């Protein structure tokens, strides 16, 4: 017998072990099928025993999704969060390279300082022109008196008039330069404010408290204007979307009570309320199983969980989970025992 050959006595043993393993696999598959079938049967049985004032439909848990995007194009300098992290309102999430914008800010601030220094010069020029204008006015008035008394010639009066008009023009020009300088200072300050706002926009902050769902880019990548960097789930706005026929949707009111039972945790009953009913009907989506239901026009209904409850269980909130929603139609009835609120401890 060569090295590595299996002894002939071991072959039946291996064959028997394979047969046993196949039997266990078959048993496991049957158990899973029985559990799944039992759950489906339990759901159908519960639906068939619902009071007349309660209707059921299926859907999946969703949360408002917020795309954290870059307002300006640039290179991503750093991302400070990971997928699954909880973040607070205003928390810094990512930052774009700000070196070029910082240089622009320094240049704009230097322009403001230069114009402010120039303000003193133009204001001094106004004061000087006012003194010259005052002196020219006095000389003109004196010349007018002398000419009237025949102590000065008409030529002297004309000369004084010319000097006064020149001083008046110089004063007007100096005042215009002051106004122009003030306008330039205002424009330069607005430029500084614009660049500072741009610098702030290069720092991406969380608009609400929530969980980071996706981290779409990594540091070093160049981002286009409007490019998404992160996706944030607002855990204060979690809901299930269902579809109800017109007969039921027409009786609903915003705020109507509801209950949610999720497929992964059927032992819990989550309280909720109707927060939205579509104004227009539409065909039932494919998620509703029966062919008869697909022939009907349905209304989209949003069943929301209260933010106060979400805060208590935010670490358990997961989107995409399917389940059933039970909605109470007016006039209100009592919830059956199977739909009494039951939450994790």
Protein backbone atom coordinates (compact mmCIF):
# COMPACT_ATOMS: atom_id res chain seq x y z
CA UNK A 1 0.00 0.00 0.00
CA UNK A 2 1.50 3.31 -1.09
CA UNK A 3 1.99 6.27 1.15
CA UNK A 4 -1.22 8.35 1.48
CA UNK A 5 -3.57 5.48 0.52
CA UNK A 6 -6.65 5.04 2.78
CA UNK A 7 -6.78 1.64 4.49
CA UNK A 8 -9.53 -0.46 3.02
CA UNK A 9 -11.20 -0.79 6.46
CA UNK A 10 -11.62 3.00 6.69
CA UNK A 11 -13.61 3.31 3.47
CA UNK A 12 -16.89 1.91 4.84
CA UNK A 13 -16.46 4.14 7.88
CA UNK A 14 -16.13 7.27 5.72
CA UNK A 15 -19.11 6.28 3.61
CA UNK A 16 -21.19 5.76 6.75
CA UNK A 17 -20.09 9.19 8.11
CA UNK A 18 -21.12 10.89 4.86
CA UNK A 19 -24.52 9.21 5.02
CA UNK A 20 -25.02 10.39 8.63
CA UNK A 21 -24.03 13.95 7.69
CA UNK A 22 -26.54 13.95 4.81
CA UNK A 23 -29.25 12.74 7.17
CA UNK A 24 -28.54 15.59 9.61
CA UNK A 25 -28.61 18.12 6.78
CA UNK A 26 -31.98 16.81 5.62
CA UNK A 27 -33.30 16.96 9.19
CA UNK A 28 -32.04 20.54 9.58
CA UNK A 29 -33.66 21.64 6.33
CA UNK A 30 -36.96 20.06 7.37
CA UNK A 31 -36.81 21.81 10.75
CA UNK A 32 -36.17 25.18 9.11
CA UNK A 33 -39.03 24.56 6.69
CA UNK A 34 -41.35 23.66 9.58
CA UNK A 35 -40.35 26.76 11.54
CA UNK A 36 -40.82 29.02 8.50
CA UNK A 37 -44.10 27.36 7.62
CA UNK A 38 -45.26 27.64 11.19
CA UNK A 39 -44.47 31.35 11.24
CA UNK A 40 -46.33 31.93 7.97
CA UNK A 41 -49.27 29.92 9.26
CA UNK A 42 -49.23 31.91 12.51
CA UNK A 43 -49.26 35.19 10.57
CA UNK A 44 -52.14 34.02 8.37
CA UNK A 45 -54.02 32.73 11.37
CA UNK A 46 -53.51 36.05 13.17
CA UNK A 47 -54.70 37.96 10.10
CA UNK A 48 -57.80 35.79 9.83
CA UNK A 49 -58.66 36.45 13.49
CA UNK A 50 -58.32 40.23 13.29
CA UNK A 51 -61.33 42.31 14.34
CA UNK A 52 -63.24 44.14 11.61
CA UNK A 53 -61.61 47.46 12.51
CA UNK A 54 -58.01 46.26 12.01
CA UNK A 55 -56.32 45.61 8.66
CA UNK A 56 -52.93 44.14 7.86
CA UNK A 57 -50.36 44.63 5.12
CA UNK A 58 -46.68 43.82 4.71
CA UNK A 59 -43.70 46.09 4.17
CA UNK A 60 -40.16 46.73 5.31
CA UNK A 61 -38.51 49.04 7.79
CA UNK A 62 -37.04 52.19 6.26
CA UNK A 63 -35.39 55.34 7.58
CA UNK A 64 -34.91 58.75 6.04
CA UNK A 65 -31.60 58.64 4.24
CA UNK A 66 -29.44 61.78 4.00
CA UNK A 67 -26.62 62.04 1.49
CA UNK A 68 -23.62 63.94 2.88
CA UNK A 69 -22.20 65.54 -0.27
CA UNK A 70 -19.42 67.96 -1.17
CA UNK A 71 -20.65 71.41 -2.20
CA UNK A 72 -17.37 72.16 -3.99
CA UNK A 73 -15.02 69.99 -6.00
CA UNK A 74 -11.77 69.06 -4.31
CA UNK A 75 -9.56 66.36 -2.85
CA UNK A 76 -10.87 64.57 0.21
CA UNK A 77 -8.42 65.17 3.06
CA UNK A 78 -9.93 62.91 5.73
CA UNK A 79 -13.03 60.96 6.74
CA UNK A 80 -13.54 60.87 10.50
CA UNK A 81 -16.29 58.24 10.78
CA UNK A 82 -16.85 54.63 9.82
CA UNK A 83 -19.90 52.72 8.69
CA UNK A 84 -22.15 51.98 11.65
CA UNK A 85 -20.96 54.92 13.76
CA UNK A 86 -23.54 56.98 15.61
CA UNK A 87 -23.01 60.70 15.08
CA UNK A 88 -24.46 63.78 16.73
CA UNK A 89 -25.93 66.89 15.11
CA UNK A 90 -23.11 69.17 13.98
CA UNK A 91 -20.39 66.54 14.39
CA UNK A 92 -17.51 66.82 11.90
CA UNK A 93 -17.67 63.86 9.52
CA UNK A 94 -15.19 64.62 6.73
CA UNK A 95 -12.96 67.41 5.48
CA UNK A 96 -11.81 68.45 2.01
CA UNK A 97 -8.36 69.86 1.28
CA UNK A 98 -8.57 73.57 2.16
CA UNK A 99 -5.06 74.80 1.33
CA UNK A 100 -6.04 76.66 -1.86
CA UNK A 101 -9.08 78.27 -0.29
CA UNK A 102 -7.05 79.25 2.78
CA UNK A 103 -4.58 81.06 0.51
CA UNK A 104 -7.47 82.89 -1.15
CA UNK A 105 -8.75 83.93 2.26
CA UNK A 106 -5.38 85.37 3.26
CA UNK A 107 -5.20 87.38 0.01
CA UNK A 108 -8.74 88.72 0.52
CA UNK A 109 -8.00 89.71 4.13
CA UNK A 110 -4.85 91.53 2.93
CA UNK A 111 -7.01 93.50 0.45
CA UNK A 112 -9.29 94.56 3.29
CA UNK A 113 -6.35 95.75 5.38
CA UNK A 114 -4.89 97.70 2.43
CA UNK A 115 -8.19 99.44 1.73
CA UNK A 116 -8.70 100.26 5.41
CA UNK A 117 -5.27 101.87 5.48
CA UNK A 118 -6.18 103.81 2.34
CA UNK A 119 -9.30 105.06 4.08
CA UNK A 120 -7.18 107.30 6.36
CA UNK A 121 -5.43 108.81 3.35
CA UNK A 122 -8.62 109.65 1.44
CA UNK A 123 -10.30 111.02 4.56
CA UNK A 124 -7.25 113.26 5.15
CA UNK A 125 -7.52 114.42 1.53
CA UNK A 126 -11.15 115.41 2.16
CA UNK A 127 -10.19 117.48 5.21
CA UNK A 128 -7.42 119.19 3.25
CA UNK A 129 -9.78 119.97 0.36
CA UNK A 130 -12.33 121.38 2.78
CA UNK A 131 -9.70 123.73 4.21
CA UNK A 132 -8.71 124.82 0.71
CA UNK A 133 -12.37 125.33 -0.19
CA UNK A 134 -12.96 127.42 2.95
CA UNK A 135 -9.93 129.60 2.17
CA UNK A 136 -10.98 130.01 -1.47
CA UNK A 137 -14.48 131.05 -0.39
CA UNK A 138 -13.06 133.68 1.98
CA UNK A 139 -10.74 135.05 -0.73
CA UNK A 140 -13.65 135.22 -3.17
CA UNK A 141 -15.88 137.06 -0.69
CA UNK A 142 -13.08 139.53 0.05
CA UNK A 143 -12.48 140.12 -3.65
CA UNK A 144 -16.19 140.76 -4.18
CA UNK A 145 -16.12 143.39 -1.40
CA UNK A 146 -12.99 145.08 -2.80
CA UNK A 147 -14.39 145.19 -6.33
CA UNK A 148 -17.63 146.66 -5.00
CA UNK A 149 -15.65 149.40 -3.24
CA UNK A 150 -13.42 149.84 -6.31
CA UNK A 151 -10.31 148.70 -4.44
CA UNK A 152 -9.74 145.66 -6.71
CA UNK A 153 -10.10 144.96 -10.39
CA UNK A 154 -12.60 142.68 -12.11
CA UNK A 155 -9.68 140.48 -13.14
CA UNK A 156 -8.84 139.79 -9.48
CA UNK A 157 -12.45 138.79 -8.84
CA UNK A 158 -12.38 136.39 -11.80
CA UNK A 159 -9.18 134.85 -10.51
CA UNK A 160 -10.64 134.32 -7.05
CA UNK A 161 -13.76 132.79 -8.59
CA UNK A 162 -11.62 130.34 -10.59
CA UNK A 163 -9.69 129.38 -7.45
CA UNK A 164 -12.93 128.80 -5.55
CA UNK A 165 -14.39 126.60 -8.29
CA UNK A 166 -11.18 124.57 -8.42
CA UNK A 167 -11.23 124.05 -4.64
CA UNK A 168 -14.88 123.07 -4.85
CA UNK A 169 -14.12 120.44 -7.54
CA UNK A 170 -11.19 119.09 -5.52
CA UNK A 171 -13.44 118.68 -2.47
CA UNK A 172 -16.12 116.89 -4.49
CA UNK A 173 -13.48 114.56 -5.96
CA UNK A 174 -12.02 113.81 -2.53
CA UNK A 175 -15.45 112.94 -1.16
CA UNK A 176 -16.08 110.66 -4.14
CA UNK A 177 -12.81 108.84 -3.45
CA UNK A 178 -13.94 108.27 0.15
CA UNK A 179 -17.25 106.77 -1.05
CA UNK A 180 -15.43 104.65 -3.62
CA UNK A 181 -12.99 103.37 -1.02
CA UNK A 182 -15.86 102.47 1.32
CA UNK A 183 -17.54 100.51 -1.48
CA UNK A 184 -14.28 98.68 -2.18
CA UNK A 185 -13.88 97.86 1.52
CA UNK A 186 -17.43 96.50 1.58
CA UNK A 187 -16.81 94.35 -1.50
CA UNK A 188 -13.53 93.06 -0.06
CA UNK A 189 -15.23 92.16 3.26
CA UNK A 190 -17.96 90.32 1.35
CA UNK A 191 -15.26 88.39 -0.50
CA UNK A 192 -13.69 87.44 2.83
CA UNK A 193 -17.08 86.31 4.15
CA UNK A 194 -17.70 84.27 0.97
CA UNK A 195 -14.35 82.50 1.23
CA UNK A 196 -14.85 81.82 4.94
CA UNK A 197 -18.24 80.29 4.12
CA UNK A 198 -16.54 78.17 1.46
CA UNK A 199 -14.01 77.03 4.06
CA UNK A 200 -16.86 76.01 6.34
CA UNK A 201 -18.48 74.09 3.48
CA UNK A 202 -15.26 72.12 3.04
CA UNK A 203 -15.96 70.66 6.48
CA UNK A 204 -18.89 68.25 6.25
CA UNK A 205 -20.97 68.00 9.41
CA UNK A 206 -23.93 65.85 10.41
CA UNK A 207 -27.24 67.70 9.90
CA UNK A 208 -29.03 65.38 12.35
CA UNK A 209 -28.25 62.66 14.85
CA UNK A 210 -28.07 59.33 13.10
CA UNK A 211 -26.05 56.32 12.00
CA UNK A 212 -23.52 56.25 9.17
CA UNK A 213 -24.91 53.79 6.63
CA UNK A 214 -22.30 53.97 3.87
CA UNK A 215 -18.80 55.41 3.51
CA UNK A 216 -18.58 55.95 -0.23
CA UNK A 217 -15.09 57.45 -0.76
CA UNK A 218 -11.72 57.40 0.93
CA UNK A 219 -9.14 60.13 1.72
CA UNK A 220 -7.08 61.15 -1.28
CA UNK A 221 -9.87 60.77 -3.81
CA UNK A 222 -10.93 63.79 -5.86
CA UNK A 223 -14.60 64.63 -5.37
CA UNK A 224 -16.76 66.43 -7.92
CA UNK A 225 -19.09 69.20 -6.80
CA UNK A 226 -22.16 67.50 -5.40
CA UNK A 227 -20.39 64.15 -5.03
CA UNK A 228 -21.67 61.97 -2.20
CA UNK A 229 -19.18 61.09 0.53
CA UNK A 230 -21.33 59.48 3.24
CA UNK A 231 -24.87 58.27 3.70
CA UNK A 232 -26.54 59.01 7.03
CA UNK A 233 -29.68 57.36 8.40
CA UNK A 234 -31.92 59.64 10.45
CA UNK A 235 -32.94 57.30 13.27
CA UNK A 236 -35.55 59.78 14.47
CA UNK A 237 -37.57 59.08 11.30
CA UNK A 238 -38.05 55.30 10.98
CA UNK A 239 -41.14 53.92 9.28
CA UNK A 240 -42.71 51.11 7.30
CA UNK A 241 -44.39 51.73 3.95
CA UNK A 242 -47.45 49.59 3.22
CA UNK A 243 -50.23 49.63 0.63
CA UNK A 244 -53.93 49.49 1.47
CA UNK A 245 -56.99 49.35 -0.80
CA UNK A 246 -59.12 52.43 -1.20
CA UNK A 247 -61.84 51.07 1.09
CA UNK A 248 -59.40 50.92 3.99
CA UNK A 249 -57.21 53.91 3.12
CA UNK A 250 -60.27 56.13 2.87
CA UNK A 251 -61.11 55.47 6.52
CA UNK A 252 -57.60 56.20 7.78
CA UNK A 253 -56.67 59.38 9.58
CA UNK A 254 -53.24 60.78 10.22
CA UNK A 255 -52.28 59.61 13.68
CA UNK A 256 -54.29 56.39 13.56
CA UNK A 257 -52.80 53.68 15.77
CA UNK A 258 -50.79 50.84 14.29
CA UNK A 259 -48.68 47.88 15.36
CA UNK A 260 -45.57 46.44 13.70
CA UNK A 261 -44.36 42.83 13.92
CA UNK A 262 -41.01 42.20 12.27
CA UNK A 263 -40.05 38.89 10.70
CA UNK A 264 -36.76 38.43 12.64
CA UNK A 265 -38.46 39.10 15.99
CA UNK A 266 -42.13 38.02 15.85
CA UNK A 267 -42.29 37.91 19.65
CA UNK A 268 -42.28 41.72 19.84
CA UNK A 269 -45.14 44.09 18.99
CA UNK A 270 -44.02 47.65 18.22
CA UNK A 271 -46.42 50.60 18.61
CA UNK A 272 -46.61 53.04 15.69
CA UNK A 273 -48.92 55.55 14.04
CA UNK A 274 -50.05 56.49 10.54
CA UNK A 275 -48.00 59.52 9.47
CA UNK A 276 -48.87 59.72 5.76
CA UNK A 277 -51.57 58.58 3.35
CA UNK A 278 -51.02 59.13 -0.37
CA UNK A 279 -53.41 61.53 -2.08
CA UNK A 280 -53.51 59.45 -5.26
CA UNK A 281 -53.98 55.72 -5.77
CA UNK A 282 -51.55 53.50 -7.61
CA UNK A 283 -51.25 49.87 -8.58
CA UNK A 284 -50.16 47.48 -5.90
CA UNK A 285 -46.40 46.82 -6.01
CA UNK A 286 -45.09 43.30 -6.52
CA UNK A 287 -44.35 42.94 -2.81
CA UNK A 288 -48.04 42.12 -2.30
CA UNK A 289 -48.27 38.45 -3.10
CA UNK A 290 -51.78 37.62 -4.27
CA UNK A 291 -52.87 38.11 -7.88
CA UNK A 292 -56.31 39.34 -6.80
CA UNK A 293 -54.80 42.19 -4.83
CA UNK A 294 -52.69 43.26 -7.81
CA UNK A 295 -55.82 44.04 -9.74
CA UNK A 296 -56.81 46.75 -7.30
CA UNK A 297 -55.70 50.31 -6.97
CA UNK A 298 -53.91 50.80 -3.69
CA UNK A 299 -52.88 53.78 -1.55
CA UNK A 300 -49.42 54.14 -0.10
CA UNK A 301 -49.46 54.50 3.69
CA UNK A 302 -46.53 55.37 5.93
CA UNK A 303 -46.45 53.88 9.42
CA UNK A 304 -43.97 55.75 11.66
CA UNK A 305 -42.42 54.80 14.97
CA UNK A 306 -42.27 57.60 17.56
CA UNK A 307 -38.88 59.31 17.94
CA UNK A 308 -39.05 58.86 21.73
CA UNK A 309 -39.28 55.09 21.32
CA UNK A 310 -36.55 55.07 18.69
CA UNK A 311 -34.15 56.81 21.06
CA UNK A 312 -34.56 53.93 23.54
CA UNK A 313 -33.85 51.24 20.95
CA UNK A 314 -31.70 53.03 18.38
CA UNK A 315 -28.96 50.42 18.71
CA UNK A 316 -31.47 47.80 17.51
CA UNK A 317 -32.86 49.80 14.59
CA UNK A 318 -32.04 48.19 11.25
CA UNK A 319 -33.47 49.12 7.87
CA UNK A 320 -34.55 46.65 5.22
CA UNK A 321 -36.17 44.25 7.72
CA UNK A 322 -39.53 42.98 6.49
CA UNK A 323 -42.61 42.50 8.59
CA UNK A 324 -46.32 43.15 8.93
CA UNK A 325 -48.17 46.30 9.86
CA UNK A 326 -51.57 46.20 11.56
CA UNK A 327 -53.57 49.41 11.30
CA UNK A 328 -56.62 50.38 13.33
CA UNK A 329 -59.42 51.96 11.31
CA UNK A 330 -61.83 54.45 12.88
CA UNK A 331 -63.94 53.97 14.92
CA UNK A 332 -61.31 52.63 17.27
CA UNK A 333 -61.51 49.10 18.57
CA UNK A 334 -59.48 47.22 21.16
CA UNK A 335 -56.27 45.54 20.10
CA UNK A 336 -56.39 41.74 20.42
CA UNK A 337 -54.06 40.05 22.89
CA UNK A 338 -51.68 39.04 20.11
CA UNK A 339 -51.19 42.72 19.18
CA UNK A 340 -50.69 44.15 22.63
CA UNK A 341 -47.45 46.15 22.87
CA UNK A 342 -44.44 44.04 23.75
CA UNK A 343 -40.96 45.51 23.55
CA UNK A 344 -37.47 44.20 24.35
CA UNK A 345 -36.34 44.76 27.91
